[in-house]
Protein backbone atom coordinates (compact mmCIF):
# COMPACT_ATOMS: atom_id res chain seq x y z
CA UNK A 1 12.74 -20.98 12.10
CA UNK A 2 10.25 -20.88 9.26
CA UNK A 3 10.68 -22.47 5.88
CA UNK A 4 8.96 -21.82 2.59
CA UNK A 5 6.64 -24.78 3.28
CA UNK A 6 5.33 -23.02 6.37
CA UNK A 7 4.75 -19.88 4.35
CA UNK A 8 2.79 -21.89 1.80
CA UNK A 9 0.67 -23.41 4.53
CA UNK A 10 -0.15 -19.96 5.87
CA UNK A 11 -1.08 -18.86 2.36
CA UNK A 12 -3.38 -21.82 1.85
CA UNK A 13 -5.16 -21.13 5.11
CA UNK A 14 -5.68 -17.52 4.05
CA UNK A 15 -6.89 -18.56 0.62
CA UNK A 16 -9.37 -20.98 2.16
CA UNK A 17 -10.75 -18.20 4.32
CA UNK A 18 -11.24 -15.98 1.30
CA UNK A 19 -13.03 -18.77 -0.53
CA UNK A 20 -15.31 -19.34 2.44
CA UNK A 21 -16.42 -15.72 2.38
CA UNK A 22 -16.70 -15.59 -1.40
CA UNK A 23 -19.80 -17.79 -1.23
CA UNK A 24 -21.61 -14.85 0.37
CA UNK A 25 -20.43 -12.40 -2.27
CA UNK A 26 -23.87 -11.75 -3.74
CA UNK A 27 -24.97 -10.35 -0.41
CA UNK A 28 -21.74 -8.83 0.83
CA UNK A 29 -20.93 -7.08 -2.44
CA UNK A 30 -24.33 -5.43 -2.88
CA UNK A 31 -24.07 -1.68 -3.19
CA UNK A 32 -25.99 0.03 -0.35
CA UNK A 33 -28.72 2.48 -1.27
CA UNK A 34 -26.66 5.19 0.36
CA UNK A 35 -23.50 5.43 2.43
CA UNK A 36 -24.05 6.08 6.12
CA UNK A 37 -21.84 6.52 9.16
CA UNK A 38 -22.43 2.83 9.87
CA UNK A 39 -20.15 2.09 6.91
CA UNK A 40 -17.19 3.32 8.94
CA UNK A 41 -15.28 1.01 11.24
CA UNK A 42 -14.84 2.04 14.84
CA UNK A 43 -12.76 5.20 14.82
CA UNK A 44 -14.51 6.71 11.81
CA UNK A 45 -12.60 7.56 8.66
CA UNK A 46 -9.37 7.68 10.60
CA UNK A 47 -9.93 4.06 11.63
CA UNK A 48 -10.12 3.12 7.96
CA UNK A 49 -6.80 4.87 7.37
CA UNK A 50 -5.12 3.14 10.31
CA UNK A 51 -6.06 -0.13 8.63
CA UNK A 52 -3.88 0.86 5.67
CA UNK A 53 -0.87 1.36 7.90
CA UNK A 54 -1.48 -2.18 9.12
CA UNK A 55 -1.89 -3.49 5.59
CA UNK A 56 1.64 -2.44 4.58
CA UNK A 57 3.21 -3.95 7.68
CA UNK A 58 3.79 -7.59 6.89
CA UNK A 59 2.76 -9.17 10.19
CA UNK A 60 0.84 -11.90 8.37
CA UNK A 61 1.11 -13.61 5.01
CA UNK A 62 -1.17 -11.02 3.40
CA UNK A 63 1.33 -8.25 4.12
CA UNK A 64 4.23 -10.08 2.50
CA UNK A 65 3.78 -7.88 -0.57
CA UNK A 66 5.31 -4.89 1.21
CA UNK A 67 8.28 -6.30 3.09
CA UNK A 68 8.26 -10.10 3.23
CA UNK A 69 9.98 -12.50 0.90
CA UNK A 70 7.62 -11.92 -2.09
CA UNK A 71 8.64 -8.26 -1.85
CA UNK A 72 12.30 -9.25 -1.41
CA UNK A 73 12.10 -11.44 -4.50
CA UNK A 74 10.71 -8.79 -6.83
CA UNK A 75 12.58 -5.82 -5.39
CA UNK A 76 15.92 -7.34 -4.40
CA UNK A 77 16.74 -10.82 -5.73
CA UNK A 78 16.54 -9.64 -9.32
CA UNK A 79 19.41 -7.20 -8.83
CA UNK A 80 23.16 -7.85 -8.87
CA UNK A 81 23.43 -6.91 -5.18
CA UNK A 82 21.19 -9.57 -3.65
CA UNK A 83 20.33 -13.24 -3.99
CA UNK A 84 17.70 -15.55 -2.59
CA UNK A 85 19.92 -16.65 0.31
CA UNK A 86 18.94 -19.14 3.03
CA UNK A 87 20.09 -22.74 2.58
CA UNK A 88 20.36 -23.97 -1.02
CA UNK A 89 17.40 -26.34 -0.62
CA UNK A 90 15.10 -23.82 1.07
CA UNK A 91 12.99 -22.22 -1.64
CA UNK A 92 15.28 -23.37 -4.44
CA UNK A 93 12.59 -22.49 -6.99
CA UNK A 94 12.74 -18.85 -5.90
CA UNK A 95 16.38 -18.67 -6.94
CA UNK A 96 15.60 -19.95 -10.42
CA UNK A 97 12.61 -17.67 -10.84
CA UNK A 98 13.97 -14.40 -9.49
CA UNK A 99 17.79 -14.58 -9.37
CA UNK A 100 18.05 -16.31 -12.74
CA UNK A 101 15.07 -14.66 -14.47
CA UNK A 102 13.15 -17.85 -15.14
CA UNK A 103 9.87 -16.12 -14.41
CA UNK A 104 6.79 -18.20 -13.55
CA UNK A 105 3.24 -16.98 -14.13
CA UNK A 106 1.63 -18.94 -11.32
CA UNK A 107 4.15 -18.77 -8.48
CA UNK A 108 2.49 -17.69 -5.25
CA UNK A 109 5.07 -14.99 -4.53
CA UNK A 110 3.94 -12.85 -7.46
CA UNK A 111 0.29 -13.72 -6.88
CA UNK A 112 0.46 -12.42 -3.31
CA UNK A 113 2.34 -9.34 -4.47
CA UNK A 114 -0.34 -8.57 -7.07
CA UNK A 115 -3.33 -9.39 -4.84
CA UNK A 116 -2.16 -7.47 -1.80
CA UNK A 117 -1.25 -4.37 -3.75
CA UNK A 118 -4.78 -4.34 -5.11
CA UNK A 119 -6.08 -4.99 -1.60
CA UNK A 120 -4.35 -1.81 -0.44
CA UNK A 121 -5.75 0.02 -3.46
CA UNK A 122 -9.23 -1.27 -2.58
CA UNK A 123 -8.88 -0.08 1.02
CA UNK A 124 -7.91 3.37 -0.23
CA UNK A 125 -10.76 3.45 -2.76
CA UNK A 126 -13.29 2.48 -0.09
CA UNK A 127 -12.09 5.16 2.31
CA UNK A 128 -12.17 7.78 -0.44
CA UNK A 129 -15.67 6.78 -1.55
CA UNK A 130 -16.98 6.98 2.02
CA UNK A 131 -15.38 10.38 2.55
CA UNK A 132 -16.88 11.65 -0.69
CA UNK A 133 -20.34 10.18 -0.07
CA UNK A 134 -20.57 11.59 3.43
CA UNK A 135 -18.99 14.89 2.37
CA UNK A 136 -16.35 14.59 5.06
CA UNK A 137 -14.23 17.71 4.68
CA UNK A 138 -12.96 18.74 8.09
CA UNK A 139 -9.20 19.39 8.40
CA UNK A 140 -8.77 15.97 9.99
CA UNK A 141 -10.79 14.35 7.19
CA UNK A 142 -8.64 16.07 4.57
CA UNK A 143 -5.55 14.57 6.18
CA UNK A 144 -7.14 11.11 6.12
CA UNK A 145 -8.01 11.57 2.45
CA UNK A 146 -4.39 12.54 1.76
CA UNK A 147 -3.15 9.42 3.52
CA UNK A 148 -5.47 7.21 1.46
CA UNK A 149 -4.25 8.81 -1.76
CA UNK A 150 -0.62 8.37 -0.73
CA UNK A 151 -1.14 4.66 -0.13
CA UNK A 152 -2.97 4.22 -3.43
CA UNK A 153 -0.12 6.00 -5.24
CA UNK A 154 2.47 3.93 -3.39
CA UNK A 155 0.75 0.69 -4.43
CA UNK A 156 0.36 1.74 -8.05
CA UNK A 157 3.98 2.87 -8.27
CA UNK A 158 5.09 -0.62 -7.25
CA UNK A 159 2.70 -2.16 -9.75
CA UNK A 160 3.63 0.00 -12.73
CA UNK A 161 7.36 -0.54 -12.31
CA UNK A 162 6.95 -4.25 -11.64
CA UNK A 163 4.34 -5.16 -14.27
CA UNK A 164 4.10 -2.17 -16.60
CA UNK A 165 0.50 -1.83 -17.77
CA UNK A 166 -1.98 -2.83 -15.06
CA UNK A 167 -5.72 -2.30 -14.49
CA UNK A 168 -6.60 1.15 -13.21
CA UNK A 169 -9.15 0.78 -10.42
CA UNK A 170 -9.79 4.12 -8.76
CA UNK A 171 -13.30 3.42 -7.49
CA UNK A 172 -14.89 1.32 -4.76
CA UNK A 173 -15.61 -2.28 -5.71
CA UNK A 174 -19.05 -3.60 -4.77
CA UNK A 175 -19.11 -6.64 -7.04
CA UNK A 176 -16.13 -8.75 -8.14
CA UNK A 177 -17.15 -8.21 -11.76
CA UNK A 178 -16.49 -4.49 -11.32
CA UNK A 179 -12.78 -5.27 -10.96
CA UNK A 180 -12.55 -7.02 -14.34
CA UNK A 181 -10.80 -4.20 -16.11
CA UNK A 182 -8.33 -4.28 -18.99
CA UNK A 183 -4.84 -2.93 -18.54
CA UNK A 184 -4.43 0.82 -18.55
CA UNK A 185 -1.42 2.40 -20.19
CA UNK A 186 1.65 3.24 -18.13
CA UNK A 187 0.90 6.93 -18.76
CA UNK A 188 -2.61 6.54 -17.33
CA UNK A 189 -1.30 4.87 -14.18
CA UNK A 190 1.28 7.60 -13.68
CA UNK A 191 -1.40 10.26 -14.19
CA UNK A 192 -3.34 8.75 -11.28
CA UNK A 193 -0.16 8.58 -9.18
CA UNK A 194 0.56 12.24 -9.94
CA UNK A 195 -2.94 13.36 -8.99
CA UNK A 196 -2.93 11.33 -5.78
CA UNK A 197 0.46 12.57 -4.61
CA UNK A 198 -0.31 16.18 -5.47
CA UNK A 199 -3.45 15.88 -3.34
CA UNK A 200 -1.47 14.24 -0.53
CA UNK A 201 1.13 17.00 -0.61
CA UNK A 202 -1.62 19.61 -0.32
CA UNK A 203 -3.44 17.97 2.60
CA UNK A 204 -0.87 16.19 4.76
CA UNK A 205 0.80 18.09 7.63
CA UNK A 206 4.47 19.01 7.86
CA UNK A 207 4.81 16.86 10.96
CA UNK A 208 2.87 15.36 13.87
CA UNK A 209 4.74 17.05 16.71
CA UNK A 210 3.11 18.03 19.97
CA UNK A 211 3.90 21.11 22.03
CA UNK A 212 6.99 19.39 23.44
CA UNK A 213 8.37 18.76 19.97
CA UNK A 214 7.80 15.00 20.05
CA UNK A 215 5.83 13.18 17.39
CA UNK A 216 2.34 12.19 18.48
CA UNK A 217 2.24 9.54 15.74
CA UNK A 218 5.70 8.17 14.87
CA UNK A 219 5.69 6.86 11.32
CA UNK A 220 2.55 8.67 10.25
CA UNK A 221 2.65 10.25 6.80
CA UNK A 222 3.61 13.87 6.17
CA UNK A 223 3.59 16.02 3.07
CA UNK A 224 7.37 15.54 2.90
CA UNK A 225 6.86 11.81 2.46
CA UNK A 226 4.46 12.56 -0.38
CA UNK A 227 7.00 14.94 -1.93
CA UNK A 228 9.77 12.34 -1.72
CA UNK A 229 7.64 9.63 -3.29
CA UNK A 230 6.45 11.98 -6.03
CA UNK A 231 10.04 13.02 -6.78
CA UNK A 232 10.93 9.35 -7.24
CA UNK A 233 8.01 8.72 -9.57
CA UNK A 234 9.01 11.76 -11.64
CA UNK A 235 12.57 10.48 -11.95
CA UNK A 236 11.29 7.27 -13.49
CA UNK A 237 9.93 9.45 -16.31
CA UNK A 238 13.00 11.71 -16.56
CA UNK A 239 11.07 14.76 -15.37
CA UNK A 240 14.20 16.16 -13.79
CA UNK A 241 13.30 19.77 -13.03
CA UNK A 242 10.11 18.89 -11.18
CA UNK A 243 11.85 16.11 -9.25
CA UNK A 244 14.68 18.46 -8.29
CA UNK A 245 12.29 21.14 -7.05
CA UNK A 246 10.53 18.66 -4.75
CA UNK A 247 13.81 17.30 -3.39
CA UNK A 248 15.12 20.81 -2.76
CA UNK A 249 11.94 21.65 -0.88
CA UNK A 250 12.60 18.71 1.45
CA UNK A 251 16.27 19.60 1.82
CA UNK A 252 15.66 23.30 2.47
CA UNK A 253 13.01 22.54 5.11
CA UNK A 254 15.79 21.70 7.57
CA UNK A 255 13.66 18.95 9.06
CA UNK A 256 15.92 16.08 8.00
CA UNK A 257 19.60 15.23 7.98
CA UNK A 258 22.07 12.38 7.72
CA UNK A 259 22.64 10.38 10.88
CA UNK A 260 26.27 10.19 11.96
CA UNK A 261 26.51 6.40 11.81
CA UNK A 262 25.32 4.58 8.68
CA UNK A 263 24.73 1.21 10.39
CA UNK A 264 22.87 2.74 13.32
CA UNK A 265 20.55 4.48 10.86
CA UNK A 266 19.08 1.04 10.22
CA UNK A 267 19.59 -0.46 13.67
CA UNK A 268 17.35 -0.45 16.69
CA UNK A 269 18.87 2.88 17.72
CA UNK A 270 17.99 4.60 14.45
CA UNK A 271 14.27 4.07 14.17
CA UNK A 272 12.37 7.27 13.34
CA UNK A 273 15.59 9.28 13.52
CA UNK A 274 16.32 12.56 11.73
CA UNK A 275 17.00 10.67 8.47
CA UNK A 276 13.60 8.98 8.41
CA UNK A 277 10.98 10.45 6.08
CA UNK A 278 8.69 7.43 6.15
CA UNK A 279 9.16 4.02 7.73
CA UNK A 280 6.74 1.22 8.47
CA UNK A 281 6.36 0.81 12.23
CA UNK A 282 6.68 -2.55 13.96
CA UNK A 283 6.96 -4.11 17.39
CA UNK A 284 6.87 -7.63 18.74
CA UNK A 285 5.35 -9.50 21.63
CA UNK A 286 6.61 -12.79 23.11
CA UNK A 287 4.91 -14.99 20.48
CA UNK A 288 4.39 -14.25 16.80
CA UNK A 289 0.94 -15.76 16.36
CA UNK A 290 -0.34 -14.92 19.82
CA UNK A 291 0.98 -11.39 20.04
CA UNK A 292 -1.33 -8.42 19.76
CA UNK A 293 1.64 -6.21 18.94
CA UNK A 294 2.39 -5.21 15.34
CA UNK A 295 5.40 -7.35 14.56
CA UNK A 296 6.91 -7.55 11.08
CA UNK A 297 8.54 -10.31 9.05
CA UNK A 298 10.82 -7.74 7.39
CA UNK A 299 13.91 -8.36 9.54
CA UNK A 300 12.94 -11.92 10.46
CA UNK A 301 12.96 -13.15 6.87
CA UNK A 302 16.46 -11.68 6.34
CA UNK A 303 18.14 -12.47 9.67
CA UNK A 304 21.14 -14.81 9.89
CA UNK A 305 20.02 -18.41 9.43
CA UNK A 306 21.75 -20.32 12.19
CA UNK A 307 21.10 -22.22 15.39
CA UNK A 308 20.76 -21.27 19.04
CA UNK A 309 21.90 -17.66 19.53
CA UNK A 310 22.38 -17.33 15.76
CA UNK A 311 18.81 -18.28 14.90
CA UNK A 312 18.12 -14.70 13.86
CA UNK A 313 15.77 -15.47 11.00
CA UNK A 314 15.33 -17.33 7.74
CA UNK A 315 18.37 -15.91 5.96
CA UNK A 316 16.74 -14.61 2.76
CA UNK A 317 17.97 -11.59 0.75
CA UNK A 318 21.71 -12.04 1.23
CA UNK A 319 24.42 -9.85 -0.34
CA UNK A 320 26.22 -11.12 -3.44
CA UNK A 321 29.99 -11.35 -3.77
CA UNK A 322 29.57 -8.86 -6.61
CA UNK A 323 28.29 -6.25 -4.15
CA UNK A 324 30.81 -7.10 -1.44
CA UNK A 325 33.73 -6.68 -3.83
CA UNK A 326 32.43 -3.46 -5.41
CA UNK A 327 32.85 -1.09 -2.46
CA UNK A 328 35.67 1.44 -2.58
CA UNK A 329 38.37 1.09 0.08
CA UNK A 330 37.34 2.91 3.23
CA UNK A 331 33.62 3.03 2.42
CA UNK A 332 31.94 2.71 5.84
CA UNK A 333 28.75 1.51 4.18
CA UNK A 334 30.38 -1.85 3.50
CA UNK A 335 30.74 -2.64 7.21
CA UNK A 336 27.31 -1.11 7.79
CA UNK A 337 25.67 -3.38 5.23
CA UNK A 338 27.53 -6.70 5.20
CA UNK A 339 27.88 -9.30 7.96
CA UNK A 340 30.66 -11.78 7.23
CA UNK A 341 30.34 -15.39 8.34
CA UNK A 342 33.20 -16.48 10.59
CA UNK A 343 34.14 -12.88 11.42
CA UNK A 344 33.37 -10.35 14.13
CA UNK A 345 30.17 -8.41 13.71
CA UNK A 346 32.20 -5.25 14.23
CA UNK A 347 29.62 -3.62 16.47
CA UNK A 348 28.40 -5.82 19.36
CA UNK A 349 31.48 -7.98 19.92
CA UNK A 350 30.04 -11.22 18.57
CA UNK A 351 31.66 -13.54 16.04
CA UNK A 352 29.46 -15.19 13.43
CA UNK A 353 29.56 -18.96 12.88
CA UNK A 354 31.66 -20.28 10.02
CA UNK A 355 30.56 -20.72 6.42
CA UNK A 356 29.91 -23.30 5.01
CA UNK A 357 30.36 -25.69 7.90
CA UNK A 358 27.86 -24.07 10.29
CA UNK A 359 25.75 -21.50 8.40
CA UNK A 360 24.78 -21.60 4.72
CA UNK A 361 25.90 -18.20 3.41
CA UNK A 362 29.13 -16.23 3.46
CA UNK A 363 27.38 -12.86 3.72
CA UNK A 364 24.26 -11.53 5.45
CA UNK A 365 22.29 -8.29 5.54
CA UNK A 366 23.65 -6.34 8.48
CA UNK A 367 20.94 -3.68 8.18
CA UNK A 368 18.52 -6.01 9.98
CA UNK A 369 21.05 -7.27 12.54
CA UNK A 370 19.56 -6.93 16.04
CA UNK A 371 21.15 -5.38 19.10
CA UNK A 372 21.64 -8.10 21.77
CA UNK A 373 20.26 -5.70 24.38
CA UNK A 374 17.03 -5.40 22.42
CA UNK A 375 16.87 -9.17 21.99
CA UNK A 376 17.04 -9.49 25.76
CA UNK A 377 14.44 -6.82 26.46
CA UNK A 378 12.05 -8.23 23.83
CA UNK A 379 12.66 -11.85 24.79
CA UNK A 380 13.23 -12.71 21.12
CA UNK A 381 16.25 -13.46 18.94
CA UNK A 382 14.50 -12.61 15.67
CA UNK A 383 13.91 -8.91 15.16
CA UNK A 384 10.19 -8.75 14.46
CA UNK A 385 10.23 -5.34 16.15
CA UNK A 386 12.40 -3.75 13.45
CA UNK A 387 10.86 -0.94 11.41
CA UNK A 388 11.16 -0.96 7.62
CA UNK A 389 12.55 2.22 6.11
CA UNK A 390 10.69 3.26 2.97
CA UNK A 391 11.90 6.83 2.35
CA UNK A 392 14.95 8.42 3.92
CA UNK A 393 16.94 11.61 3.55
CA UNK A 394 20.00 10.07 1.88
CA UNK A 395 17.74 8.82 -0.90
CA UNK A 396 16.39 12.36 -1.36
CA UNK A 397 19.93 13.79 -1.56
CA UNK A 398 20.89 11.31 -4.27
CA UNK A 399 17.65 11.87 -6.16
CA UNK A 400 18.36 15.60 -6.03
CA UNK A 401 21.91 15.04 -7.28
CA UNK A 402 20.71 12.88 -10.16
CA UNK A 403 17.95 15.30 -11.13
CA UNK A 404 20.32 18.27 -10.98
CA UNK A 405 22.95 16.53 -13.09
CA UNK A 406 20.43 15.45 -15.72
CA UNK A 407 18.77 18.88 -15.83
CA UNK A 408 22.17 20.39 -16.60
CA UNK A 409 23.60 23.86 -16.22
CA UNK A 410 26.43 25.22 -14.10
CA UNK A 411 24.25 25.87 -11.06
CA UNK A 412 22.81 22.37 -11.15
CA UNK A 413 26.27 20.88 -11.56
CA UNK A 414 27.27 22.56 -8.31
CA UNK A 415 24.16 21.25 -6.58
CA UNK A 416 24.81 17.70 -7.79
CA UNK A 417 28.35 17.75 -6.43
CA UNK A 418 27.20 19.23 -3.11
CA UNK A 419 24.53 16.60 -2.52
CA UNK A 420 26.74 13.68 -3.52
CA UNK A 421 29.56 14.84 -1.29
CA UNK A 422 27.24 15.04 1.72
CA UNK A 423 26.45 11.36 1.27
CA UNK A 424 30.10 10.45 0.62
CA UNK A 425 31.29 12.33 3.71
CA UNK A 426 29.03 10.24 5.94
CA UNK A 427 30.42 7.14 4.19
CA UNK A 428 34.00 8.20 5.02
CA UNK A 429 34.93 8.94 1.41
CA UNK A 430 36.60 11.98 -0.10
CA UNK A 431 34.85 14.69 -2.06
CA UNK A 432 34.40 14.47 -5.80
CA UNK A 433 34.48 17.31 -8.33
CA UNK A 434 32.46 17.82 -11.47
CA UNK A 435 34.13 16.91 -14.74
CA UNK A 436 31.43 15.91 -17.21
CA UNK A 437 27.75 15.09 -17.00
CA UNK A 438 28.46 11.50 -18.07
CA UNK A 439 31.15 11.02 -15.42
CA UNK A 440 28.87 12.52 -12.79
CA UNK A 441 26.07 10.21 -13.87
CA UNK A 442 28.27 7.18 -13.21
CA UNK A 443 29.30 8.53 -9.80
CA UNK A 444 25.70 9.08 -8.77
CA UNK A 445 24.69 5.63 -9.96
CA UNK A 446 27.49 4.09 -7.88
CA UNK A 447 26.52 6.13 -4.83
CA UNK A 448 22.91 4.98 -5.12
CA UNK A 449 24.09 1.39 -5.33
CA UNK A 450 26.09 1.51 -2.11
CA UNK A 451 23.84 3.86 -0.16
CA UNK A 452 20.66 1.92 -1.02
CA UNK A 453 22.15 -1.61 -1.06
CA UNK A 454 19.59 -4.34 -0.24
CA UNK A 455 16.87 -1.68 0.14
CA UNK A 456 14.80 -2.74 -2.88
CA UNK A 457 15.86 -0.02 -5.34
CA UNK A 458 18.76 -1.47 -7.33
CA UNK A 459 16.87 -3.60 -9.86
CA UNK A 460 14.47 -0.81 -10.74
CA UNK A 461 17.32 1.70 -10.94
CA UNK A 462 19.19 -0.50 -13.43
CA UNK A 463 16.06 -0.81 -15.56
CA UNK A 464 15.34 2.92 -15.66
CA UNK A 465 19.01 3.69 -16.39
CA UNK A 466 18.90 1.24 -19.32
CA UNK A 467 21.77 -0.69 -17.74
CA UNK A 468 19.94 -3.89 -16.82
CA UNK A 469 20.59 -5.70 -20.11
CA UNK A 470 24.34 -5.22 -19.55
CA UNK A 471 24.73 -5.54 -15.78
CA UNK A 472 22.29 -8.42 -15.30
CA UNK A 473 23.07 -10.37 -18.48
CA UNK A 474 25.22 -12.93 -16.57
CA UNK A 475 22.11 -13.83 -14.55
CA UNK A 476 20.07 -14.45 -17.69
CA UNK A 477 18.33 -11.08 -17.93
CA UNK A 478 16.78 -9.98 -21.20
CA UNK A 479 14.88 -6.78 -21.93
CA UNK A 480 11.53 -8.57 -21.51
CA UNK A 481 12.42 -9.25 -17.87
CA UNK A 482 12.01 -5.58 -16.95
CA UNK A 483 8.37 -6.50 -16.37
CA UNK A 484 7.17 -9.55 -14.54
CA UNK A 485 4.36 -11.62 -16.13
CA UNK A 486 0.90 -10.90 -14.77
CA UNK A 487 -0.11 -13.71 -12.38
CA UNK A 488 -2.20 -16.33 -14.13
CA UNK A 489 -4.70 -16.28 -11.26
CA UNK A 490 -5.44 -12.62 -11.99
CA UNK A 491 -5.95 -13.35 -15.68
CA UNK A 492 -8.25 -16.27 -14.89
CA UNK A 493 -10.29 -14.18 -12.46
CA UNK A 494 -10.79 -11.52 -15.13
CA UNK A 495 -12.55 -13.97 -17.47
CA UNK A 496 -10.12 -13.09 -20.23
CA UNK A 497 -10.41 -9.30 -19.91
CA UNK A 498 -6.84 -9.02 -18.58
CA UNK A 499 -4.19 -9.83 -21.20
CA UNK A 500 -0.78 -11.24 -20.35
CA UNK A 501 2.32 -9.07 -20.79
CA UNK A 502 4.19 -9.43 -24.11
CA UNK A 503 6.73 -12.30 -24.42
CA UNK A 504 4.93 -14.42 -21.80
């Protein structure tokens, strides 16, 4: 079982490696006279793209920005649904910083988050520059270019909603000084996101199915993933009609649907199911460090923190009592999301150890709870094989409902009710009817909370709904906390070009 100290040690090793190579930067960062095929890794341009899929899977400390505890901290702990978790002494500073909004400019969690998002951006920029320089324009190349642009947009969307204004780097870096850019406006960042996702929509395929109807590349991006991500970015700017049109395109395609069982949607049985639009693929060999398989820390860092058979992980990102008590009676998503210490798991016939005498939290994230049969077949208790869902159909339905309600009009009111009721039916709840736009807005906000609980959306939803100052006030939230301070290391590296966010 890993502690925050072990994470820090891994980070220091990685940092030392980077410093070792930085001494050769004058040679390594020289711009070549021209780009040649030798610039491509084995596998050509597609090999470069595959590297991006690896970069967002958090199988090492560098990937923590997309699914490890730095990601959990910035996407989950800051909400009213989640808290740091683990034992009180393990990473106690994280609780103060993220749960209680005592932000720190030089904490390594935010530094890794910032650095690795720009690493992904740099990988995308390099692939795009090579494709442009070599005039790679075959159908396969166009798909690769679309994938690179999706990943760049994905990274910048995280950055703009986490930090606000950030440097816009949409070119290949040859010299570290080239990256010393001032912050671009939020509008400029979103303009790049829009252009990238529009290009991805145009070039990515509908699916990757073979003649037998099976996917040749499970988890590989499609134009529907690009549409879903673009719809979400449009919602953050209240561009309701455009967001609705994209969501309806996904819905009307008939390619996706709601799985029958909410819990199994997230479990081992539900990976790449009909609800999945994009999920990060993972697997796990017998040893973390020695395995050549693409394991992920995503489920490991959230698994029940216990001993022996209950050593399922490090126990971070645990549900709050606020969330547990907020579900409506009969909502199946409660039992699909929450594991209760001292009670039956309700699915595999196991009873959790007692809180607080045996394990340190009353509640745990059931969405990463492993199937004992898979534990046996993998030879591991901790679910490093578990995929991470990034975009799924239920999210699209609720985005469509919100966009329709905000766009207004009788036809859109009907659509909003239809989409919400599809999600509620799967949750075991009764249908709702339209009364007023304001009442419908509240219903949709509640449905997003319970449908997307612990999935990294709640904090950002509260901010964009202008509800954070009310809902999160008991935790110490103020309006300035909508954006995290830019890491001091990034400011120092910019030689003063990069300016800290206001109020910090």
